[in-house]
Amino acid sequence: MQTINITVAGQSFQIRSDADPDYLTGLAREVSDRFKKLKQQGPRNEQDIKIMAMVAITLLDELQSTRSSYDSLKEKTRDFAVGLIARIDELLSREEP
């Protein structure tokens, strides 16, 4: 496990992780970018903690949406495979004497 320095919304952090430092830096950059965009859209006196909470909620919403899409695709794939296997079995049974 290594210690990695990242910066999120102007705040520096040290985190310990086995993940690739470039990957973690990229995540921190994405959060910072989203923070900046929301900060520019909101009132000038908006507290940073509120903005960061909105970033977190947005990211979690995207995660939930992605999970839902994944689950749906997984189910459709399973149904397709079951149907395909049934069709193959049907064709093979016709060929038997």
N, C-alpha and C. Protein backbone atom coordinates (compact mmCIF):
# COMPACT_ATOMS: atom_id res chain seq x y z
N MET A 1 0.86 -1.17 0.00
CA MET A 1 0.00 0.00 0.00
C MET A 1 0.90 1.23 0.00
N GLN A 2 0.53 2.20 -0.81
CA GLN A 2 1.34 3.40 -0.94
C GLN A 2 0.54 4.64 -0.55
N THR A 3 1.25 5.69 -0.20
CA THR A 3 0.61 6.96 0.12
C THR A 3 0.63 7.83 -1.14
N ILE A 4 -0.54 8.36 -1.46
CA ILE A 4 -0.69 9.16 -2.68
C ILE A 4 -1.25 10.52 -2.30
N ASN A 5 -0.66 11.56 -2.85
CA ASN A 5 -1.15 12.92 -2.64
C ASN A 5 -2.10 13.30 -3.77
N ILE A 6 -3.29 13.73 -3.39
CA ILE A 6 -4.26 14.21 -4.38
C ILE A 6 -4.79 15.56 -3.93
N THR A 7 -5.37 16.28 -4.87
CA THR A 7 -6.00 17.56 -4.56
C THR A 7 -7.42 17.53 -5.11
N VAL A 8 -8.36 17.85 -4.23
CA VAL A 8 -9.77 17.90 -4.60
C VAL A 8 -10.31 19.26 -4.19
N ALA A 9 -10.80 20.00 -5.17
CA ALA A 9 -11.38 21.32 -4.91
C ALA A 9 -10.43 22.22 -4.11
N GLY A 10 -9.17 22.16 -4.47
CA GLY A 10 -8.19 23.02 -3.83
C GLY A 10 -7.66 22.52 -2.49
N GLN A 11 -8.15 21.40 -2.02
CA GLN A 11 -7.71 20.82 -0.75
C GLN A 11 -6.82 19.61 -1.03
N SER A 12 -5.67 19.58 -0.38
CA SER A 12 -4.74 18.46 -0.57
C SER A 12 -5.02 17.37 0.46
N PHE A 13 -4.90 16.13 -0.01
CA PHE A 13 -5.14 14.97 0.83
C PHE A 13 -4.05 13.94 0.58
N GLN A 14 -3.75 13.18 1.60
CA GLN A 14 -2.91 12.01 1.45
C GLN A 14 -3.80 10.80 1.68
N ILE A 15 -3.76 9.88 0.74
CA ILE A 15 -4.54 8.66 0.92
C ILE A 15 -3.63 7.46 0.72
N ARG A 16 -3.98 6.38 1.39
CA ARG A 16 -3.22 5.14 1.26
C ARG A 16 -4.06 4.19 0.42
N SER A 17 -3.44 3.67 -0.62
CA SER A 17 -4.18 2.80 -1.54
C SER A 17 -3.22 1.94 -2.35
N ASP A 18 -3.76 0.82 -2.82
CA ASP A 18 -3.02 -0.02 -3.75
C ASP A 18 -3.33 0.35 -5.20
N ALA A 19 -4.26 1.25 -5.38
CA ALA A 19 -4.67 1.65 -6.73
C ALA A 19 -3.56 2.45 -7.42
N ASP A 20 -3.63 2.47 -8.73
CA ASP A 20 -2.67 3.22 -9.54
C ASP A 20 -2.79 4.71 -9.21
N PRO A 21 -1.70 5.38 -8.88
CA PRO A 21 -1.75 6.80 -8.54
C PRO A 21 -2.37 7.67 -9.64
N ASP A 22 -2.09 7.34 -10.90
CA ASP A 22 -2.68 8.11 -12.01
C ASP A 22 -4.20 7.96 -12.03
N TYR A 23 -4.68 6.77 -11.71
CA TYR A 23 -6.12 6.54 -11.65
C TYR A 23 -6.74 7.39 -10.55
N LEU A 24 -6.15 7.38 -9.38
CA LEU A 24 -6.69 8.17 -8.26
C LEU A 24 -6.60 9.66 -8.53
N THR A 25 -5.52 10.09 -9.15
CA THR A 25 -5.38 11.50 -9.50
C THR A 25 -6.45 11.90 -10.51
N GLY A 26 -6.74 11.02 -11.45
CA GLY A 26 -7.80 11.28 -12.42
C GLY A 26 -9.16 11.39 -11.76
N LEU A 27 -9.43 10.53 -10.79
CA LEU A 27 -10.70 10.62 -10.05
C LEU A 27 -10.79 11.95 -9.31
N ALA A 28 -9.70 12.33 -8.66
CA ALA A 28 -9.68 13.60 -7.93
C ALA A 28 -9.89 14.77 -8.88
N ARG A 29 -9.31 14.69 -10.05
CA ARG A 29 -9.48 15.75 -11.06
C ARG A 29 -10.93 15.84 -11.51
N GLU A 30 -11.57 14.69 -11.70
CA GLU A 30 -12.98 14.67 -12.12
C GLU A 30 -13.87 15.31 -11.05
N VAL A 31 -13.63 14.96 -9.79
CA VAL A 31 -14.42 15.55 -8.70
C VAL A 31 -14.18 17.05 -8.65
N SER A 32 -12.94 17.47 -8.80
CA SER A 32 -12.61 18.90 -8.78
C SER A 32 -13.28 19.65 -9.93
N ASP A 33 -13.27 19.03 -11.10
CA ASP A 33 -13.92 19.67 -12.26
C ASP A 33 -15.41 19.84 -12.03
N ARG A 34 -16.04 18.81 -11.49
CA ARG A 34 -17.47 18.90 -11.21
C ARG A 34 -17.75 19.95 -10.14
N PHE A 35 -16.88 20.01 -9.16
CA PHE A 35 -17.01 21.01 -8.09
C PHE A 35 -16.95 22.41 -8.68
N LYS A 36 -15.96 22.66 -9.54
CA LYS A 36 -15.80 23.98 -10.14
C LYS A 36 -17.03 24.37 -10.95
N LYS A 37 -17.56 23.43 -11.74
CA LYS A 37 -18.74 23.72 -12.55
C LYS A 37 -19.94 24.08 -11.68
N LEU A 38 -20.17 23.32 -10.63
CA LEU A 38 -21.30 23.62 -9.75
C LEU A 38 -21.09 24.94 -9.01
N LYS A 39 -19.86 25.20 -8.62
CA LYS A 39 -19.57 26.45 -7.90
C LYS A 39 -19.83 27.65 -8.79
N GLN A 40 -19.51 27.54 -10.07
CA GLN A 40 -19.74 28.63 -11.01
C GLN A 40 -21.22 28.86 -11.25
N GLN A 41 -22.02 27.80 -11.16
CA GLN A 41 -23.45 27.91 -11.42
C GLN A 41 -24.23 28.46 -10.23
N GLY A 42 -23.71 28.24 -9.03
CA GLY A 42 -24.45 28.60 -7.82
C GLY A 42 -24.18 30.02 -7.37
N PRO A 43 -24.86 30.43 -6.30
CA PRO A 43 -24.61 31.76 -5.73
C PRO A 43 -23.17 31.86 -5.21
N ARG A 44 -22.65 33.05 -5.24
CA ARG A 44 -21.25 33.25 -4.84
C ARG A 44 -20.99 32.88 -3.38
N ASN A 45 -21.99 32.96 -2.55
CA ASN A 45 -21.77 32.68 -1.13
C ASN A 45 -22.10 31.23 -0.75
N GLU A 46 -22.32 30.38 -1.76
CA GLU A 46 -22.63 28.97 -1.51
C GLU A 46 -21.45 28.31 -0.79
N GLN A 47 -21.74 27.58 0.25
CA GLN A 47 -20.68 26.92 1.02
C GLN A 47 -20.12 25.74 0.23
N ASP A 48 -18.79 25.58 0.31
CA ASP A 48 -18.13 24.51 -0.41
C ASP A 48 -18.66 23.14 -0.03
N ILE A 49 -19.01 22.94 1.23
CA ILE A 49 -19.50 21.64 1.67
C ILE A 49 -20.82 21.30 0.98
N LYS A 50 -21.66 22.29 0.75
CA LYS A 50 -22.92 22.04 0.05
C LYS A 50 -22.66 21.67 -1.40
N ILE A 51 -21.71 22.36 -2.00
CA ILE A 51 -21.37 22.06 -3.39
C ILE A 51 -20.80 20.65 -3.50
N MET A 52 -19.92 20.29 -2.57
CA MET A 52 -19.32 18.96 -2.59
C MET A 52 -20.39 17.89 -2.35
N ALA A 53 -21.38 18.19 -1.52
CA ALA A 53 -22.48 17.25 -1.31
C ALA A 53 -23.25 17.03 -2.61
N MET A 54 -23.45 18.09 -3.36
CA MET A 54 -24.14 17.96 -4.65
C MET A 54 -23.30 17.14 -5.64
N VAL A 55 -21.99 17.33 -5.61
CA VAL A 55 -21.11 16.52 -6.46
C VAL A 55 -21.27 15.05 -6.09
N ALA A 56 -21.25 14.76 -4.80
CA ALA A 56 -21.39 13.37 -4.34
C ALA A 56 -22.73 12.79 -4.76
N ILE A 57 -23.80 13.54 -4.60
CA ILE A 57 -25.13 13.05 -4.98
C ILE A 57 -25.19 12.79 -6.48
N THR A 58 -24.62 13.68 -7.27
CA THR A 58 -24.60 13.51 -8.73
C THR A 58 -23.83 12.25 -9.11
N LEU A 59 -22.67 12.06 -8.50
CA LEU A 59 -21.87 10.87 -8.80
C LEU A 59 -22.60 9.60 -8.39
N LEU A 60 -23.24 9.61 -7.24
CA LEU A 60 -23.99 8.43 -6.81
C LEU A 60 -25.18 8.15 -7.71
N ASP A 61 -25.83 9.21 -8.19
CA ASP A 61 -26.93 9.04 -9.12
C ASP A 61 -26.43 8.37 -10.40
N GLU A 62 -25.30 8.82 -10.91
CA GLU A 62 -24.72 8.21 -12.10
C GLU A 62 -24.35 6.75 -11.85
N LEU A 63 -23.81 6.47 -10.67
CA LEU A 63 -23.45 5.10 -10.31
C LEU A 63 -24.69 4.21 -10.28
N GLN A 64 -25.76 4.69 -9.64
CA GLN A 64 -26.99 3.90 -9.56
C GLN A 64 -27.57 3.66 -10.95
N SER A 65 -27.55 4.68 -11.79
CA SER A 65 -28.05 4.54 -13.15
C SER A 65 -27.23 3.52 -13.93
N THR A 66 -25.93 3.56 -13.77
CA THR A 66 -25.05 2.61 -14.45
C THR A 66 -25.30 1.19 -13.95
N ARG A 67 -25.47 1.04 -12.64
CA ARG A 67 -25.76 -0.28 -12.08
C ARG A 67 -27.08 -0.82 -12.63
N SER A 68 -28.07 0.04 -12.71
CA SER A 68 -29.37 -0.37 -13.23
C SER A 68 -29.25 -0.81 -14.69
N SER A 69 -28.53 -0.05 -15.48
CA SER A 69 -28.32 -0.40 -16.88
C SER A 69 -27.56 -1.72 -16.99
N TYR A 70 -26.57 -1.91 -16.15
CA TYR A 70 -25.79 -3.14 -16.15
C TYR A 70 -26.68 -4.33 -15.81
N ASP A 71 -27.50 -4.20 -14.76
CA ASP A 71 -28.39 -5.28 -14.36
C ASP A 71 -29.37 -5.63 -15.47
N SER A 72 -29.91 -4.61 -16.13
CA SER A 72 -30.84 -4.84 -17.23
C SER A 72 -30.16 -5.55 -18.39
N LEU A 73 -28.96 -5.10 -18.74
CA LEU A 73 -28.21 -5.72 -19.83
C LEU A 73 -27.84 -7.16 -19.48
N LYS A 74 -27.47 -7.39 -18.23
CA LYS A 74 -27.13 -8.74 -17.80
C LYS A 74 -28.34 -9.67 -17.92
N GLU A 75 -29.51 -9.18 -17.53
CA GLU A 75 -30.73 -9.99 -17.63
C GLU A 75 -31.08 -10.28 -19.09
N LYS A 76 -30.98 -9.26 -19.93
CA LYS A 76 -31.28 -9.46 -21.35
C LYS A 76 -30.30 -10.45 -21.98
N THR A 77 -29.04 -10.37 -21.60
CA THR A 77 -28.03 -11.28 -22.12
C THR A 77 -28.32 -12.71 -21.68
N ARG A 78 -28.68 -12.87 -20.42
CA ARG A 78 -29.02 -14.20 -19.90
C ARG A 78 -30.23 -14.76 -20.65
N ASP A 79 -31.26 -13.95 -20.83
CA ASP A 79 -32.46 -14.40 -21.54
C ASP A 79 -32.14 -14.78 -22.98
N PHE A 80 -31.29 -13.99 -23.62
CA PHE A 80 -30.88 -14.29 -25.00
C PHE A 80 -30.14 -15.62 -25.05
N ALA A 81 -29.21 -15.83 -24.12
CA ALA A 81 -28.43 -17.06 -24.09
C ALA A 81 -29.32 -18.27 -23.84
N VAL A 82 -30.27 -18.15 -22.92
CA VAL A 82 -31.20 -19.25 -22.64
C VAL A 82 -32.00 -19.57 -23.89
N GLY A 83 -32.50 -18.55 -24.56
CA GLY A 83 -33.26 -18.75 -25.79
C GLY A 83 -32.42 -19.39 -26.89
N LEU A 84 -31.18 -18.95 -26.99
CA LEU A 84 -30.28 -19.49 -28.01
C LEU A 84 -29.97 -20.96 -27.73
N ILE A 85 -29.72 -21.28 -26.48
CA ILE A 85 -29.46 -22.68 -26.10
C ILE A 85 -30.69 -23.55 -26.41
N ALA A 86 -31.86 -23.04 -26.09
CA ALA A 86 -33.09 -23.79 -26.38
C ALA A 86 -33.23 -24.01 -27.88
N ARG A 87 -32.94 -23.01 -28.66
CA ARG A 87 -33.04 -23.13 -30.12
C ARG A 87 -32.03 -24.15 -30.65
N ILE A 88 -30.81 -24.11 -30.13
CA ILE A 88 -29.77 -25.07 -30.55
C ILE A 88 -30.21 -26.49 -30.17
N ASP A 89 -30.70 -26.65 -28.95
CA ASP A 89 -31.18 -27.96 -28.51
C ASP A 89 -32.30 -28.47 -29.42
N GLU A 90 -33.20 -27.58 -29.80
CA GLU A 90 -34.31 -27.95 -30.68
C GLU A 90 -33.77 -28.41 -32.04
N LEU A 91 -32.83 -27.67 -32.58
CA LEU A 91 -32.25 -28.04 -33.89
C LEU A 91 -31.49 -29.36 -33.81
N LEU A 92 -30.76 -29.56 -32.74
CA LEU A 92 -30.00 -30.80 -32.58
C LEU A 92 -30.93 -32.00 -32.40
N SER A 93 -32.03 -31.82 -31.72
CA SER A 93 -32.97 -32.94 -31.51
C SER A 93 -33.65 -33.34 -32.81
N ARG A 94 -33.79 -32.43 -33.73
CA ARG A 94 -34.39 -32.76 -35.04
C ARG A 94 -33.47 -33.63 -35.88
N GLU A 95 -32.18 -33.45 -35.69
CA GLU A 95 -31.21 -34.20 -36.49
C GLU A 95 -31.03 -35.63 -36.03
N GLU A 96 -31.42 -35.94 -34.81
CA GLU A 96 -31.24 -37.30 -34.28
C GLU A 96 -32.26 -38.24 -34.93
N PRO A 97 -31.83 -39.48 -35.25
CA PRO A 97 -32.74 -40.44 -35.90
C PRO A 97 -33.83 -40.93 -34.97
